N, C-alpha and C. Protein backbone atom coordinates (compact mmCIF):
# COMPACT_ATOMS: atom_id res chain seq x y z
N MET A 1 119.76 143.21 106.45
CA MET A 1 118.71 144.21 106.59
C MET A 1 118.02 143.97 107.94
N VAL A 2 118.42 144.71 108.93
CA VAL A 2 117.85 144.58 110.26
C VAL A 2 117.35 145.93 110.71
N SER A 3 116.14 145.97 111.21
CA SER A 3 115.60 147.23 111.71
C SER A 3 115.49 147.17 113.23
N VAL A 4 115.14 148.28 113.80
CA VAL A 4 115.00 148.36 115.25
C VAL A 4 113.91 147.41 115.72
N SER A 5 112.86 147.24 114.93
CA SER A 5 111.75 146.38 115.35
C SER A 5 112.12 144.90 115.34
N ASP A 6 113.29 144.54 114.75
CA ASP A 6 113.73 143.15 114.74
C ASP A 6 114.30 142.72 116.08
N SER A 7 114.57 143.68 116.96
CA SER A 7 115.14 143.37 118.26
C SER A 7 114.01 143.19 119.27
N PRO A 8 114.14 142.17 120.12
CA PRO A 8 113.11 141.99 121.14
C PRO A 8 113.15 143.10 122.18
N ARG A 9 112.03 143.29 122.83
CA ARG A 9 111.99 144.27 123.92
C ARG A 9 112.87 143.80 125.06
N PRO A 10 113.35 144.72 125.87
CA PRO A 10 114.17 144.30 127.02
C PRO A 10 113.42 143.28 127.89
N GLY A 11 114.09 142.19 128.22
CA GLY A 11 113.47 141.17 129.06
C GLY A 11 112.74 140.10 128.28
N PHE A 12 112.66 140.22 126.96
CA PHE A 12 111.97 139.25 126.12
C PHE A 12 112.94 138.64 125.13
N THR A 13 112.66 137.43 124.70
CA THR A 13 113.49 136.78 123.68
C THR A 13 112.67 136.50 122.44
N GLN A 14 113.35 136.37 121.32
CA GLN A 14 112.66 136.07 120.07
C GLN A 14 112.27 134.59 120.05
N HIS A 15 111.12 134.30 119.47
CA HIS A 15 110.66 132.92 119.35
C HIS A 15 111.30 132.33 118.08
N PRO A 16 111.83 131.11 118.14
CA PRO A 16 112.50 130.52 116.98
C PRO A 16 111.63 130.48 115.72
N LEU A 17 110.34 130.21 115.86
CA LEU A 17 109.47 130.17 114.68
C LEU A 17 109.30 131.56 114.07
N THR A 18 109.27 132.59 114.90
CA THR A 18 109.16 133.95 114.40
C THR A 18 110.43 134.34 113.65
N VAL A 19 111.57 133.97 114.19
CA VAL A 19 112.85 134.26 113.53
C VAL A 19 112.91 133.54 112.19
N HIS A 20 112.48 132.29 112.16
CA HIS A 20 112.49 131.51 110.92
C HIS A 20 111.53 132.12 109.88
N ALA A 21 110.35 132.51 110.31
CA ALA A 21 109.37 133.12 109.40
C ALA A 21 109.91 134.43 108.83
N ALA A 22 110.55 135.23 109.65
CA ALA A 22 111.12 136.49 109.18
C ALA A 22 112.21 136.23 108.15
N SER A 23 113.02 135.22 108.39
CA SER A 23 114.08 134.86 107.45
C SER A 23 113.48 134.44 106.11
N GLN A 24 112.41 133.66 106.15
CA GLN A 24 111.76 133.22 104.91
C GLN A 24 111.14 134.41 104.16
N MET A 25 110.59 135.37 104.88
CA MET A 25 110.01 136.55 104.22
C MET A 25 111.09 137.37 103.53
N PHE A 26 112.24 137.56 104.20
CA PHE A 26 113.34 138.29 103.57
C PHE A 26 113.84 137.56 102.33
N ASP A 27 113.95 136.23 102.41
CA ASP A 27 114.39 135.44 101.26
C ASP A 27 113.40 135.57 100.11
N SER A 28 112.12 135.56 100.43
CA SER A 28 111.08 135.70 99.40
C SER A 28 111.18 137.04 98.68
N VAL A 29 111.41 138.10 99.44
CA VAL A 29 111.56 139.43 98.85
C VAL A 29 112.80 139.47 97.96
N ASP A 30 113.89 138.87 98.42
CA ASP A 30 115.13 138.83 97.62
C ASP A 30 114.89 138.10 96.29
N ARG A 31 114.18 136.99 96.33
CA ARG A 31 113.89 136.25 95.10
C ARG A 31 113.00 137.07 94.17
N ALA A 32 112.04 137.76 94.73
CA ALA A 32 111.13 138.57 93.92
C ALA A 32 111.89 139.71 93.23
N VAL A 33 112.82 140.32 93.93
CA VAL A 33 113.61 141.40 93.34
C VAL A 33 114.43 140.86 92.17
N ARG A 34 115.04 139.69 92.35
CA ARG A 34 115.83 139.10 91.26
C ARG A 34 114.94 138.77 90.07
N PHE A 35 113.75 138.27 90.34
CA PHE A 35 112.82 137.90 89.27
C PHE A 35 112.41 139.16 88.48
N ARG A 36 112.12 140.23 89.20
CA ARG A 36 111.73 141.48 88.53
C ARG A 36 112.86 142.02 87.67
N LYS A 37 114.11 141.90 88.14
CA LYS A 37 115.24 142.37 87.36
C LYS A 37 115.37 141.55 86.07
N LEU A 38 115.16 140.24 86.16
CA LEU A 38 115.25 139.38 84.99
C LEU A 38 114.10 139.69 84.01
N SER A 39 112.93 139.99 84.54
CA SER A 39 111.77 140.30 83.70
C SER A 39 111.95 141.61 82.94
N ALA A 40 112.73 142.51 83.48
CA ALA A 40 112.94 143.82 82.86
C ALA A 40 113.87 143.74 81.64
N LEU A 41 114.61 142.64 81.54
CA LEU A 41 115.57 142.50 80.42
C LEU A 41 114.90 142.23 79.12
């Protein structure tokens, strides 16, 4: 799941901590979705 805003502006690079934080947020959302599916059963 990558959007246009995930790409740095021309001439700029992504900061490793920002990339790591974004990865953790996506993982958190994935876990929440799985939890909600289990709760619905």
